[in-house]
């Protein structure tokens, strides 16, 4: 094995690693943006709880 083949192999491994990192970052970004159904439902549930909580603090009139 020559030195060029060694460096080519290392370059391929580094490129593969960089692609995996980029994919992970994209997935994290998509989930933070609310495009993941699980994240969206959690935000919706939390918002509903706050609305109910705020509604109990005010006395009923009428």
Protein backbone atom coordinates (compact mmCIF):
# COMPACT_ATOMS: atom_id res chain seq x y z
CA UNK A 1 0.00 0.00 0.00
CA UNK A 2 1.42 3.33 -1.00
CA UNK A 3 1.17 6.57 0.89
CA UNK A 4 -1.35 7.95 -1.62
CA UNK A 5 -3.68 4.98 -1.06
CA UNK A 6 -3.40 5.47 2.70
CA UNK A 7 -4.32 9.15 2.47
CA UNK A 8 -7.17 8.38 0.04
CA UNK A 9 -8.59 5.91 2.56
CA UNK A 10 -8.31 8.43 5.37
CA UNK A 11 -9.98 11.08 3.21
CA UNK A 12 -12.91 8.75 2.47
CA UNK A 13 -13.41 8.03 6.18
CA UNK A 14 -13.30 11.73 7.03
CA UNK A 15 -15.81 12.56 4.27
CA UNK A 16 -18.17 9.84 5.49
CA UNK A 17 -17.89 11.14 9.05
CA UNK A 18 -18.57 14.72 7.90
CA UNK A 19 -21.65 13.58 5.96
CA UNK A 20 -23.01 11.77 9.03
CA UNK A 21 -22.48 14.85 11.18
CA UNK A 22 -24.22 17.05 8.62
CA UNK A 23 -27.17 14.65 8.52
CA UNK A 24 -27.45 14.65 12.31
CA UNK A 25 -27.35 18.45 12.43
CA UNK A 26 -30.03 18.64 9.76
CA UNK A 27 -32.26 16.25 11.72
CA UNK A 28 -31.77 18.29 14.91
CA UNK A 29 -32.55 21.51 13.07
CA UNK A 30 -35.69 20.02 11.56
CA UNK A 31 -36.90 18.79 14.94
CA UNK A 32 -36.24 22.18 16.58
CA UNK A 33 -38.15 23.88 13.79
CA UNK A 34 -41.23 21.87 14.71
CA UNK A 35 -41.22 19.71 11.63
CA UNK A 36 -40.98 16.53 13.64
CA UNK A 37 -44.51 15.37 14.61
CA UNK A 38 -43.39 14.36 18.11
CA UNK A 39 -41.93 17.79 18.88
CA UNK A 40 -44.98 19.55 17.49
CA UNK A 41 -47.36 17.54 19.66
CA UNK A 42 -45.29 18.25 22.78
CA UNK A 43 -45.46 21.99 22.09
CA UNK A 44 -49.21 21.77 21.51
CA UNK A 45 -49.75 19.87 24.75
CA UNK A 46 -47.73 22.37 26.76
CA UNK A 47 -49.65 25.28 25.26
CA UNK A 48 -52.98 23.67 26.13
CA UNK A 49 -51.92 23.19 29.74
CA UNK A 50 -50.95 26.85 30.05
CA UNK A 51 -54.28 27.98 28.63
CA UNK A 52 -56.21 25.85 31.11
CA UNK A 53 -54.05 27.04 33.97
CA UNK A 54 -54.60 30.69 33.05
CA UNK A 55 -58.34 30.12 32.76
CA UNK A 56 -58.59 28.91 36.36
CA UNK A 57 -56.94 32.01 37.77
CA UNK A 58 -59.75 34.34 36.71
CA UNK A 59 -63.03 34.35 38.63
CA UNK A 60 -66.20 33.74 36.66
CA UNK A 61 -68.40 36.74 36.10
CA UNK A 62 -72.06 36.65 35.44
